Amino acid sequence: MEKTSSAAFQVAKEQAWQEAGEGVKRQIMGYDGQLMVVKVDFLTGAVGTPHTHPHSQATYVASGKFKVKIGDEEAVLQEGDGYYVAPGVIHGCVCLEEGRLVDTFSPMRQDFLP
């Protein structure tokens, strides 16, 4: 059976981390069929490989420094900044200083669930 929502509360120390590439790991937080929040930790030099998906994505830079490319646009973002990716637009990043991104997706990323 497909899981379509998280528990009401997510206690960080109790949430599993998933490897998401070399120097990259993610922790799924709250979600339902329409929304998902995911913390993504990057070591300096780690790459968020350019990719695309059918979900809307808004990301908050919680810490660190990242060079982010969305379509043909590129920016260096740091703590407190954010970005938006429309469905189907290629995007990726390089971590310039170790940090954390907080991704939100709509609808949820079913492919991220174990």
PDB file of N, CA and C in Angstrom:
ATOM      1  N   MET A   1       0.838  -1.186   0.000  1.00  0.00           N
ATOM      2  CA  MET A   1       0.000   0.000   0.000  1.00  0.00           C
ATOM      3  C   MET A   1       0.878   1.244   0.000  1.00  0.00           C
ATOM      4  N   GLU A   2       0.518   2.243  -0.788  1.00  0.00           N
ATOM      5  CA  GLU A   2       1.262   3.479  -0.921  1.00  0.00           C
ATOM      6  C   GLU A   2       1.030   4.367   0.303  1.00  0.00           C
ATOM      7  N   LYS A   3       2.115   4.850   0.908  1.00  0.00           N
ATOM      8  CA  LYS A   3       1.988   5.740   2.064  1.00  0.00           C
ATOM      9  C   LYS A   3       1.782   7.160   1.551  1.00  0.00           C
ATOM     10  N   THR A   4       0.751   7.847   2.036  1.00  0.00           N
ATOM     11  CA  THR A   4       0.445   9.165   1.499  1.00  0.00           C
ATOM     12  C   THR A   4       0.508  10.296   2.507  1.00  0.00           C
ATOM     13  N   SER A   5       0.895  10.011   3.754  1.00  0.00           N
ATOM     14  CA  SER A   5       1.089  11.114   4.697  1.00  0.00           C
ATOM     15  C   SER A   5       2.002  10.699   5.840  1.00  0.00           C
ATOM     16  N   SER A   6       2.662  11.695   6.390  1.00  0.00           N
ATOM     17  CA  SER A   6       3.559  11.474   7.521  1.00  0.00           C
ATOM     18  C   SER A   6       2.761  11.538   8.820  1.00  0.00           C
ATOM     19  N   ALA A   7       3.447  11.250   9.913  1.00  0.00           N
ATOM     20  CA  ALA A   7       2.869  11.466  11.233  1.00  0.00           C
ATOM     21  C   ALA A   7       2.708  12.976  11.437  1.00  0.00           C
ATOM     22  N   ALA A   8       1.921  13.359  12.413  1.00  0.00           N
ATOM     23  CA  ALA A   8       1.689  14.780  12.682  1.00  0.00           C
ATOM     24  C   ALA A   8       2.968  15.505  13.101  1.00  0.00           C
ATOM     25  N   PHE A   9       3.857  14.817  13.818  1.00  0.00           N
ATOM     26  CA  PHE A   9       5.083  15.423  14.303  1.00  0.00           C
ATOM     27  C   PHE A   9       6.281  14.646  13.780  1.00  0.00           C
ATOM     28  N   GLN A  10       7.367  15.368  13.464  1.00  0.00           N
ATOM     29  CA  GLN A  10       8.619  14.737  13.053  1.00  0.00           C
ATOM     30  C   GLN A  10       9.704  15.212  14.014  1.00  0.00           C
ATOM     31  N   VAL A  11      10.227  14.305  14.811  1.00  0.00           N
ATOM     32  CA  VAL A  11      11.312  14.612  15.744  1.00  0.00           C
ATOM     33  C   VAL A  11      12.604  14.280  15.003  1.00  0.00           C
ATOM     34  N   ALA A  12      13.426  15.298  14.764  1.00  0.00           N
ATOM     35  CA  ALA A  12      14.602  15.158  13.893  1.00  0.00           C
ATOM     36  C   ALA A  12      15.467  13.960  14.259  1.00  0.00           C
ATOM     37  N   LYS A  13      15.743  13.758  15.557  1.00  0.00           N
ATOM     38  CA  LYS A  13      16.648  12.671  15.946  1.00  0.00           C
ATOM     39  C   LYS A  13      16.031  11.288  15.699  1.00  0.00           C
ATOM     40  N   GLU A  14      14.727  11.245  15.445  1.00  0.00           N
ATOM     41  CA  GLU A  14      14.055   9.967  15.187  1.00  0.00           C
ATOM     42  C   GLU A  14      13.816   9.713  13.700  1.00  0.00           C
ATOM     43  N   GLN A  15      14.089  10.708  12.857  1.00  0.00           N
ATOM     44  CA  GLN A  15      13.861  10.584  11.418  1.00  0.00           C
ATOM     45  C   GLN A  15      15.116  10.030  10.751  1.00  0.00           C
ATOM     46  N   ALA A  16      14.939   9.045   9.899  1.00  0.00           N
ATOM     47  CA  ALA A  16      16.072   8.440   9.189  1.00  0.00           C
ATOM     48  C   ALA A  16      16.636   9.400   8.151  1.00  0.00           C
ATOM     49  N   TRP A  17      17.937   9.278   7.896  1.00  0.00           N
ATOM     50  CA  TRP A  17      18.600   9.995   6.805  1.00  0.00           C
ATOM     51  C   TRP A  17      18.826   9.015   5.670  1.00  0.00           C
ATOM     52  N   GLN A  18      18.722   9.494   4.438  1.00  0.00           N
ATOM     53  CA  GLN A  18      18.974   8.684   3.242  1.00  0.00           C
ATOM     54  C   GLN A  18      20.166   9.276   2.499  1.00  0.00           C
ATOM     55  N   GLU A  19      21.047   8.421   2.011  1.00  0.00           N
ATOM     56  CA  GLU A  19      22.129   8.896   1.160  1.00  0.00           C
ATOM     57  C   GLU A  19      21.513   9.357  -0.160  1.00  0.00           C
ATOM     58  N   ALA A  20      21.975  10.506  -0.661  1.00  0.00           N
ATOM     59  CA  ALA A  20      21.391  11.071  -1.882  1.00  0.00           C
ATOM     60  C   ALA A  20      22.488  11.508  -2.851  1.00  0.00           C
ATOM     61  N   GLY A  21      23.646  10.855  -2.770  1.00  0.00           N
ATOM     62  CA  GLY A  21      24.786  11.206  -3.609  1.00  0.00           C
ATOM     63  C   GLY A  21      26.006  11.385  -2.745  1.00  0.00           C
ATOM     64  N   GLU A  22      27.165  11.502  -3.377  1.00  0.00           N
ATOM     65  CA  GLU A  22      28.404  11.653  -2.626  1.00  0.00           C
ATOM     66  C   GLU A  22      28.418  12.984  -1.884  1.00  0.00           C
ATOM     67  N   GLY A  23      28.481  12.915  -0.555  1.00  0.00           N
ATOM     68  CA  GLY A  23      28.494  14.116   0.271  1.00  0.00           C
ATOM     69  C   GLY A  23      27.131  14.759   0.436  1.00  0.00           C
ATOM     70  N   VAL A  24      26.061  14.024   0.098  1.00  0.00           N
ATOM     71  CA  VAL A  24      24.695  14.550   0.174  1.00  0.00           C
ATOM     72  C   VAL A  24      23.803  13.529   0.883  1.00  0.00           C
ATOM     73  N   LYS A  25      23.005  14.001   1.849  1.00  0.00           N
ATOM     74  CA  LYS A  25      22.032  13.129   2.496  1.00  0.00           C
ATOM     75  C   LYS A  25      20.755  13.926   2.737  1.00  0.00           C
ATOM     76  N   ARG A  26      19.615  13.211   2.772  1.00  0.00           N
ATOM     77  CA  ARG A  26      18.335  13.893   2.966  1.00  0.00           C
ATOM     78  C   ARG A  26      17.541  13.231   4.081  1.00  0.00           C
ATOM     79  N   GLN A  27      16.709  14.062   4.713  1.00  0.00           N
ATOM     80  CA  GLN A  27      15.838  13.614   5.798  1.00  0.00           C
ATOM     81  C   GLN A  27      14.420  14.104   5.468  1.00  0.00           C
ATOM     82  N   ILE A  28      13.517  13.165   5.262  1.00  0.00           N
ATOM     83  CA  ILE A  28      12.142  13.509   4.934  1.00  0.00           C
ATOM     84  C   ILE A  28      11.426  13.939   6.205  1.00  0.00           C
ATOM     85  N   MET A  29      10.761  15.076   6.111  1.00  0.00           N
ATOM     86  CA  MET A  29      10.004  15.587   7.251  1.00  0.00           C
ATOM     87  C   MET A  29       8.513  15.412   6.940  1.00  0.00           C
ATOM     88  N   GLY A  30       7.680  16.404   7.167  1.00  0.00           N
ATOM     89  CA  GLY A  30       6.245  16.257   6.987  1.00  0.00           C
ATOM     90  C   GLY A  30       5.820  16.216   5.532  1.00  0.00           C
ATOM     91  N   TYR A  31       4.766  15.432   5.272  1.00  0.00           N
ATOM     92  CA  TYR A  31       4.239  15.357   3.914  1.00  0.00           C
ATOM     93  C   TYR A  31       2.831  14.787   3.891  1.00  0.00           C
ATOM     94  N   ASP A  32       2.147  15.102   2.808  1.00  0.00           N
ATOM     95  CA  ASP A  32       0.920  14.418   2.418  1.00  0.00           C
ATOM     96  C   ASP A  32       0.938  14.381   0.898  1.00  0.00           C
ATOM     97  N   GLY A  33      -0.147  14.022   0.266  1.00  0.00           N
ATOM     98  CA  GLY A  33      -0.142  13.899  -1.183  1.00  0.00           C
ATOM     99  C   GLY A  33       0.139  15.187  -1.928  1.00  0.00           C
ATOM    100  N   GLN A  34      -0.075  16.332  -1.274  1.00  0.00           N
ATOM    101  CA  GLN A  34       0.072  17.623  -1.938  1.00  0.00           C
ATOM    102  C   GLN A  34       1.357  18.366  -1.614  1.00  0.00           C
ATOM    103  N   LEU A  35       2.080  17.960  -0.561  1.00  0.00           N
ATOM    104  CA  LEU A  35       3.223  18.736  -0.081  1.00  0.00           C
ATOM    105  C   LEU A  35       4.242  17.824   0.591  1.00  0.00           C
ATOM    106  N   MET A  36       5.518  18.160   0.448  1.00  0.00           N
ATOM    107  CA  MET A  36       6.574  17.422   1.156  1.00  0.00           C
ATOM    108  C   MET A  36       7.693  18.390   1.518  1.00  0.00           C
ATOM    109  N   VAL A  37       8.213  18.259   2.750  1.00  0.00           N
ATOM    110  CA  VAL A  37       9.358  19.039   3.217  1.00  0.00           C
ATOM    111  C   VAL A  37      10.510  18.081   3.459  1.00  0.00           C
ATOM    112  N   VAL A  38      11.697  18.415   2.905  1.00  0.00           N
ATOM    113  CA  VAL A  38      12.865  17.548   2.992  1.00  0.00           C
ATOM    114  C   VAL A  38      14.093  18.391   3.335  1.00  0.00           C
ATOM    115  N   LYS A  39      14.840  17.989   4.378  1.00  0.00           N
ATOM    116  CA  LYS A  39      16.125  18.619   4.685  1.00  0.00           C
ATOM    117  C   LYS A  39      17.200  17.896   3.878  1.00  0.00           C
ATOM    118  N   VAL A  40      18.109  18.667   3.276  1.00  0.00           N
ATOM    119  CA  VAL A  40      19.189  18.072   2.489  1.00  0.00           C
ATOM    120  C   VAL A  40      20.503  18.679   2.962  1.00  0.00           C
ATOM    121  N   ASP A  41      21.398  17.840   3.475  1.00  0.00           N
ATOM    122  CA  ASP A  41      22.708  18.280   3.961  1.00  0.00           C
ATOM    123  C   ASP A  41      23.776  18.005   2.915  1.00  0.00           C
ATOM    124  N   PHE A  42      24.651  18.985   2.698  1.00  0.00           N
ATOM    125  CA  PHE A  42      25.733  18.901   1.716  1.00  0.00           C
ATOM    126  C   PHE A  42      27.076  19.172   2.389  1.00  0.00           C
ATOM    127  N   LEU A  43      28.075  18.370   2.047  1.00  0.00           N
ATOM    128  CA  LEU A  43      29.449  18.671   2.417  1.00  0.00           C
ATOM    129  C   LEU A  43      30.012  19.623   1.364  1.00  0.00           C
ATOM    130  N   THR A  44      31.008  20.406   1.732  1.00  0.00           N
ATOM    131  CA  THR A  44      31.643  21.313   0.782  1.00  0.00           C
ATOM    132  C   THR A  44      32.116  20.535  -0.444  1.00  0.00           C
ATOM    133  N   GLY A  45      31.778  21.042  -1.623  1.00  0.00           N
ATOM    134  CA  GLY A  45      32.162  20.411  -2.879  1.00  0.00           C
ATOM    135  C   GLY A  45      31.154  19.409  -3.408  1.00  0.00           C
ATOM    136  N   ALA A  46      30.184  19.020  -2.594  1.00  0.00           N
ATOM    137  CA  ALA A  46      29.173  18.063  -3.048  1.00  0.00           C
ATOM    138  C   ALA A  46      28.300  18.703  -4.124  1.00  0.00           C
ATOM    139  N   VAL A  47      27.820  17.860  -5.018  1.00  0.00           N
ATOM    140  CA  VAL A  47      27.044  18.329  -6.162  1.00  0.00           C
ATOM    141  C   VAL A  47      25.619  17.787  -6.098  1.00  0.00           C
ATOM    142  N   GLY A  48      24.676  18.680  -6.265  1.00  0.00           N
ATOM    143  CA  GLY A  48      23.292  18.290  -6.503  1.00  0.00           C
ATOM    144  C   GLY A  48      23.173  18.172  -8.015  1.00  0.00           C
ATOM    145  N   THR A  49      23.294  16.957  -8.529  1.00  0.00           N
ATOM    146  CA  THR A  49      23.354  16.701  -9.968  1.00  0.00           C
ATOM    147  C   THR A  49      22.169  17.343 -10.686  1.00  0.00           C
ATOM    148  N   PRO A  50      22.426  18.042 -11.793  1.00  0.00           N
ATOM    149  CA  PRO A  50      21.321  18.643 -12.546  1.00  0.00           C
ATOM    150  C   PRO A  50      20.269  17.592 -12.911  1.00  0.00           C
ATOM    151  N   HIS A  51      19.009  17.942 -12.687  1.00  0.00           N
ATOM    152  CA  HIS A  51      17.904  17.019 -12.914  1.00  0.00           C
ATOM    153  C   HIS A  51      16.616  17.812 -13.108  1.00  0.00           C
ATOM    154  N   THR A  52      15.571  17.116 -13.447  1.00  0.00           N
ATOM    155  CA  THR A  52      14.254  17.721 -13.590  1.00  0.00           C
ATOM    156  C   THR A  52      13.206  16.775 -13.021  1.00  0.00           C
ATOM    157  N   HIS A  53      12.084  17.315 -12.622  1.00  0.00           N
ATOM    158  CA  HIS A  53      10.968  16.513 -12.120  1.00  0.00           C
ATOM    159  C   HIS A  53       9.678  17.292 -12.319  1.00  0.00           C
ATOM    160  N   PRO A  54       8.531  16.618 -12.241  1.00  0.00           N
ATOM    161  CA  PRO A  54       7.251  17.278 -12.509  1.00  0.00           C
ATOM    162  C   PRO A  54       6.677  18.053 -11.319  1.00  0.00           C
ATOM    163  N   HIS A  55       7.438  18.175 -10.247  1.00  0.00           N
ATOM    164  CA  HIS A  55       6.962  18.839  -9.036  1.00  0.00           C
ATOM    165  C   HIS A  55       7.378  20.309  -9.020  1.00  0.00           C
ATOM    166  N   SER A  56       6.569  21.188  -8.432  1.00  0.00           N
ATOM    167  CA  SER A  56       7.001  22.539  -8.088  1.00  0.00           C
ATOM    168  C   SER A  56       7.917  22.400  -6.884  1.00  0.00           C
ATOM    169  N   GLN A  57       8.976  23.211  -6.839  1.00  0.00           N
ATOM    170  CA  GLN A  57       9.925  23.134  -5.726  1.00  0.00           C
ATOM    171  C   GLN A  57      10.277  24.539  -5.260  1.00  0.00           C
ATOM    172  N   ALA A  58      10.202  24.757  -3.951  1.00  0.00           N
ATOM    173  CA  ALA A  58      10.700  25.982  -3.333  1.00  0.00           C
ATOM    174  C   ALA A  58      11.699  25.543  -2.275  1.00  0.00           C
ATOM    175  N   THR A  59      12.870  26.183  -2.270  1.00  0.00           N
ATOM    176  CA  THR A  59      13.952  25.769  -1.375  1.00  0.00           C
ATOM    177  C   THR A  59      14.445  26.945  -0.550  1.00  0.00           C
ATOM    178  N   TYR A  60      14.693  26.694   0.717  1.00  0.00           N
ATOM    179  CA  TYR A  60      15.246  27.672   1.661  1.00  0.00           C
ATOM    180  C   TYR A  60      16.661  27.235   2.018  1.00  0.00           C
ATOM    181  N   VAL A  61      17.608  28.167   1.957  1.00  0.00           N
ATOM    182  CA  VAL A  61      18.994  27.883   2.345  1.00  0.00           C
ATOM    183  C   VAL A  61      19.095  28.112   3.857  1.00  0.00           C
ATOM    184  N   ALA A  62      19.118  27.019   4.617  1.00  0.00           N
ATOM    185  CA  ALA A  62      19.162  27.099   6.077  1.00  0.00           C
ATOM    186  C   ALA A  62      20.563  27.428   6.589  1.00  0.00           C
ATOM    187  N   SER A  63      21.585  26.945   5.861  1.00  0.00           N
ATOM    188  CA  SER A  63      22.976  27.238   6.235  1.00  0.00           C
ATOM    189  C   SER A  63      23.864  26.935   5.038  1.00  0.00           C
ATOM    190  N   GLY A  64      25.097  27.426   5.099  1.00  0.00           N
ATOM    191  CA  GLY A  64      26.063  27.169   4.040  1.00  0.00           C
ATOM    192  C   GLY A  64      25.954  28.141   2.886  1.00  0.00           C
ATOM    193  N   LYS A  65      26.645  27.779   1.791  1.00  0.00           N
ATOM    194  CA  LYS A  65      26.690  28.606   0.585  1.00  0.00           C
ATOM    195  C   LYS A  65      26.651  27.680  -0.621  1.00  0.00           C
ATOM    196  N   PHE A  66      25.803  28.017  -1.594  1.00  0.00           N
ATOM    197  CA  PHE A  66      25.561  27.153  -2.745  1.00  0.00           C
ATOM    198  C   PHE A  66      25.557  27.952  -4.043  1.00  0.00           C
ATOM    199  N   LYS A  67      26.150  27.370  -5.083  1.00  0.00           N
ATOM    200  CA  LYS A  67      25.985  27.915  -6.437  1.00  0.00           C
ATOM    201  C   LYS A  67      24.856  27.107  -7.051  1.00  0.00           C
ATOM    202  N   VAL A  68      23.750  27.775  -7.382  1.00  0.00           N
ATOM    203  CA  VAL A  68      22.537  27.120  -7.862  1.00  0.00           C
ATOM    204  C   VAL A  68      22.291  27.536  -9.314  1.00  0.00           C
ATOM    205  N   LYS A  69      21.991  26.551 -10.143  1.00  0.00           N
ATOM    206  CA  LYS A  69      21.645  26.823 -11.533  1.00  0.00           C
ATOM    207  C   LYS A  69      20.242  26.307 -11.788  1.00  0.00           C
ATOM    208  N   ILE A  70      19.389  27.184 -12.313  1.00  0.00           N
ATOM    209  CA  ILE A  70      18.012  26.843 -12.659  1.00  0.00           C
ATOM    210  C   ILE A  70      17.815  27.271 -14.102  1.00  0.00           C
ATOM    211  N   GLY A  71      17.608  26.301 -14.985  1.00  0.00           N
ATOM    212  CA  GLY A  71      17.524  26.621 -16.410  1.00  0.00           C
ATOM    213  C   GLY A  71      18.826  27.273 -16.839  1.00  0.00           C
ATOM    214  N   ASP A  72      18.753  28.473 -17.404  1.00  0.00           N
ATOM    215  CA  ASP A  72      19.945  29.205 -17.845  1.00  0.00           C
ATOM    216  C   ASP A  72      20.423  30.222 -16.822  1.00  0.00           C
ATOM    217  N   GLU A  73      19.761  30.302 -15.674  1.00  0.00           N
ATOM    218  CA  GLU A  73      20.123  31.281 -14.650  1.00  0.00           C
ATOM    219  C   GLU A  73      20.979  30.646 -13.559  1.00  0.00           C
ATOM    220  N   GLU A  74      21.897  31.440 -12.998  1.00  0.00           N
ATOM    221  CA  GLU A  74      22.784  30.941 -11.946  1.00  0.00           C
ATOM    222  C   GLU A  74      22.948  32.018 -10.885  1.00  0.00           C
ATOM    223  N   ALA A  75      23.017  31.592  -9.619  1.00  0.00           N
ATOM    224  CA  ALA A  75      23.217  32.528  -8.510  1.00  0.00           C
ATOM    225  C   ALA A  75      23.960  31.821  -7.391  1.00  0.00           C
ATOM    226  N   VAL A  76      24.685  32.599  -6.594  1.00  0.00           N
ATOM    227  CA  VAL A  76      25.307  32.087  -5.372  1.00  0.00           C
ATOM    228  C   VAL A  76      24.402  32.523  -4.227  1.00  0.00           C
ATOM    229  N   LEU A  77      23.919  31.528  -3.467  1.00  0.00           N
ATOM    230  CA  LEU A  77      22.979  31.778  -2.382  1.00  0.00           C
ATOM    231  C   LEU A  77      23.566  31.300  -1.065  1.00  0.00           C
ATOM    232  N   GLN A  78      23.173  31.980   0.012  1.00  0.00           N
ATOM    233  CA  GLN A  78      23.653  31.598   1.340  1.00  0.00           C
ATOM    234  C   GLN A  78      22.510  31.676   2.340  1.00  0.00           C
ATOM    235  N   GLU A  79      22.822  31.403   3.599  1.00  0.00           N
ATOM    236  CA  GLU A  79      21.824  31.331   4.659  1.00  0.00           C
ATOM    237  C   GLU A  79      20.797  32.454   4.554  1.00  0.00           C
ATOM    238  N   GLY A  80      19.528  32.066   4.587  1.00  0.00           N
ATOM    239  CA  GLY A  80      18.442  33.037   4.531  1.00  0.00           C
ATOM    240  C   GLY A  80      17.877  33.247   3.132  1.00  0.00           C
ATOM    241  N   ASP A  81      18.608  32.819   2.099  1.00  0.00           N
ATOM    242  CA  ASP A  81      18.146  32.958   0.720  1.00  0.00           C
ATOM    243  C   ASP A  81      17.267  31.778   0.341  1.00  0.00           C
ATOM    244  N   GLY A  82      16.697  31.843  -0.839  1.00  0.00           N
ATOM    245  CA  GLY A  82      15.877  30.747  -1.317  1.00  0.00           C
ATOM    246  C   GLY A  82      15.743  30.775  -2.824  1.00  0.00           C
ATOM    247  N   TYR A  83      15.106  29.750  -3.378  1.00  0.00           N
ATOM    248  CA  TYR A  83      14.859  29.709  -4.816  1.00  0.00           C
ATOM    249  C   TYR A  83      13.633  28.872  -5.118  1.00  0.00           C
ATOM    250  N   TYR A  84      13.102  29.090  -6.332  1.00  0.00           N
ATOM    251  CA  TYR A  84      11.926  28.394  -6.817  1.00  0.00           C
ATOM    252  C   TYR A  84      12.255  27.718  -8.140  1.00  0.00           C
ATOM    253  N   VAL A  85      11.785  26.491  -8.313  1.00  0.00           N
ATOM    254  CA  VAL A  85      11.966  25.744  -9.565  1.00  0.00           C
ATOM    255  C   VAL A  85      10.587  25.314 -10.059  1.00  0.00           C
ATOM    256  N   ALA A  86      10.239  25.750 -11.261  1.00  0.00           N
ATOM    257  CA  ALA A  86       8.967  25.350 -11.867  1.00  0.00           C
ATOM    258  C   ALA A  86       9.051  23.896 -12.318  1.00  0.00           C
ATOM    259  N   PRO A  87       7.925  23.213 -12.406  1.00  0.00           N
ATOM    260  CA  PRO A  87       7.927  21.824 -12.880  1.00  0.00           C
ATOM    261  C   PRO A  87       8.599  21.701 -14.245  1.00  0.00           C
ATOM    262  N   GLY A  88       9.437  20.671 -14.393  1.00  0.00           N
ATOM    263  CA  GLY A  88      10.073  20.381 -15.672  1.00  0.00           C
ATOM    264  C   GLY A  88      11.310  21.193 -16.003  1.00  0.00           C
ATOM    265  N   VAL A  89      11.747  22.100 -15.117  1.00  0.00           N
ATOM    266  CA  VAL A  89      12.927  22.929 -15.387  1.00  0.00           C
ATOM    267  C   VAL A  89      14.161  22.251 -14.797  1.00  0.00           C
ATOM    268  N   ILE A  90      15.212  22.123 -15.597  1.00  0.00           N
ATOM    269  CA  ILE A  90      16.448  21.490 -15.116  1.00  0.00           C
ATOM    270  C   ILE A  90      17.111  22.406 -14.088  1.00  0.00           C
ATOM    271  N   HIS A  91      17.623  21.782 -13.022  1.00  0.00           N
ATOM    272  CA  HIS A  91      18.260  22.547 -11.955  1.00  0.00           C
ATOM    273  C   HIS A  91      19.265  21.668 -11.205  1.00  0.00           C
ATOM    274  N   GLY A  92      20.208  22.308 -10.535  1.00  0.00           N
ATOM    275  CA  GLY A  92      21.208  21.609  -9.745  1.00  0.00           C
ATOM    276  C   GLY A  92      22.013  22.620  -8.949  1.00  0.00           C
ATOM    277  N   CYS A  93      22.946  22.120  -8.139  1.00  0.00           N
ATOM    278  CA  CYS A  93      23.758  23.031  -7.325  1.00  0.00           C
ATOM    279  C   CYS A  93      25.114  22.416  -7.015  1.00  0.00           C
ATOM    280  N   VAL A  94      26.011  23.290  -6.576  1.00  0.00           N
ATOM    281  CA  VAL A  94      27.310  22.885  -6.042  1.00  0.00           C
ATOM    282  C   VAL A  94      27.420  23.552  -4.677  1.00  0.00           C
ATOM    283  N   CYS A  95      27.790  22.775  -3.671  1.00  0.00           N
ATOM    284  CA  CYS A  95      27.937  23.319  -2.321  1.00  0.00           C
ATOM    285  C   CYS A  95      29.305  23.970  -2.186  1.00  0.00           C
ATOM    286  N   LEU A  96      29.320  25.283  -1.971  1.00  0.00           N
ATOM    287  CA  LEU A  96      30.572  26.021  -1.816  1.00  0.00           C
ATOM    288  C   LEU A  96      31.068  26.025  -0.373  1.00  0.00           C
ATOM    289  N   GLU A  97      30.129  25.979   0.576  1.00  0.00           N
ATOM    290  CA  GLU A  97      30.448  25.879   2.003  1.00  0.00           C
ATOM    291  C   GLU A  97      29.409  24.953   2.627  1.00  0.00           C
ATOM    292  N   GLU A  98      29.852  23.950   3.366  1.00  0.00           N
ATOM    293  CA  GLU A  98      28.964  22.946   3.960  1.00  0.00           C
ATOM    294  C   GLU A  98      27.682  23.579   4.471  1.00  0.00           C
ATOM    295  N   GLY A  99      26.551  22.928   4.163  1.00  0.00           N
ATOM    296  CA  GLY A  99      25.299  23.520   4.601  1.00  0.00           C
ATOM    297  C   GLY A  99      24.089  22.640   4.391  1.00  0.00           C
ATOM    298  N   ARG A 100      22.928  23.267   4.603  1.00  0.00           N
ATOM    299  CA  ARG A 100      21.648  22.558   4.547  1.00  0.00           C
ATOM    300  C   ARG A 100      20.646  23.355   3.720  1.00  0.00           C
ATOM    301  N   LEU A 101      19.969  22.637   2.835  1.00  0.00           N
ATOM    302  CA  LEU A 101      18.832  23.177   2.106  1.00  0.00           C
ATOM    303  C   LEU A 101      17.567  22.545   2.668  1.00  0.00           C
ATOM    304  N   VAL A 102      16.489  23.296   2.690  1.00  0.00           N
ATOM    305  CA  VAL A 102      15.188  22.763   3.076  1.00  0.00           C
ATOM    306  C   VAL A 102      14.301  22.872   1.841  1.00  0.00           C
ATOM    307  N   ASP A 103      14.036  21.723   1.223  1.00  0.00           N
ATOM    308  CA  ASP A 103      13.240  21.652   0.006  1.00  0.00           C
ATOM    309  C   ASP A 103      11.773  21.427   0.349  1.00  0.00           C
ATOM    310  N   THR A 104      10.897  22.085  -0.397  1.00  0.00           N
ATOM    311  CA  THR A 104       9.473  21.777  -0.340  1.00  0.00           C
ATOM    312  C   THR A 104       9.032  21.425  -1.750  1.00  0.00           C
ATOM    313  N   PHE A 105       8.213  20.406  -1.852  1.00  0.00           N
ATOM    314  CA  PHE A 105       7.734  19.928  -3.150  1.00  0.00           C
ATOM    315  C   PHE A 105       6.213  19.855  -3.147  1.00  0.00           C
ATOM    316  N   SER A 106       5.637  20.159  -4.295  1.00  0.00           N
ATOM    317  CA  SER A 106       4.208  19.973  -4.497  1.00  0.00           C
ATOM    318  C   SER A 106       3.992  19.439  -5.909  1.00  0.00           C
ATOM    319  N   PRO A 107       3.319  18.294  -6.053  1.00  0.00           N
ATOM    320  CA  PRO A 107       2.891  17.410  -4.974  1.00  0.00           C
ATOM    321  C   PRO A 107       4.095  16.717  -4.328  1.00  0.00           C
ATOM    322  N   MET A 108       3.830  15.851  -3.366  1.00  0.00           N
ATOM    323  CA  MET A 108       4.907  15.149  -2.657  1.00  0.00           C
ATOM    324  C   MET A 108       5.763  14.329  -3.617  1.00  0.00           C
ATOM    325  N   ARG A 109       6.983  14.014  -3.211  1.00  0.00           N
ATOM    326  CA  ARG A 109       7.906  13.167  -3.994  1.00  0.00           C
ATOM    327  C   ARG A 109       7.727  11.728  -3.527  1.00  0.00           C
ATOM    328  N   GLN A 110       6.812  11.005  -4.135  1.00  0.00           N
ATOM    329  CA  GLN A 110       6.588   9.602  -3.805  1.00  0.00           C
ATOM    330  C   GLN A 110       7.880   8.800  -3.963  1.00  0.00           C
ATOM    331  N   ASP A 111       8.718   9.192  -4.940  1.00  0.00           N
ATOM    332  CA  ASP A 111       9.962   8.472  -5.206  1.00  0.00           C
ATOM    333  C   ASP A 111      10.978   8.595  -4.067  1.00  0.00           C
ATOM    334  N   PHE A 112      10.794   9.520  -3.134  1.00  0.00           N
ATOM    335  CA  PHE A 112      11.706   9.667  -2.011  1.00  0.00           C
ATOM    336  C   PHE A 112      11.359   8.707  -0.863  1.00  0.00           C
ATOM    337  N   LEU A 113      10.153   8.171  -0.847  1.00  0.00           N
ATOM    338  CA  LEU A 113       9.746   7.314   0.266  1.00  0.00           C
ATOM    339  C   LEU A 113      10.354   5.918   0.131  1.00  0.00           C
ATOM    340  N   PRO A 114      10.745   5.332   1.279  1.00  0.00           N
ATOM    341  CA  PRO A 114      11.348   3.992   1.229  1.00  0.00           C
ATOM    342  C   PRO A 114      10.334   2.925   0.825  1.00  0.00           C
TER     343      PRO A 114
END
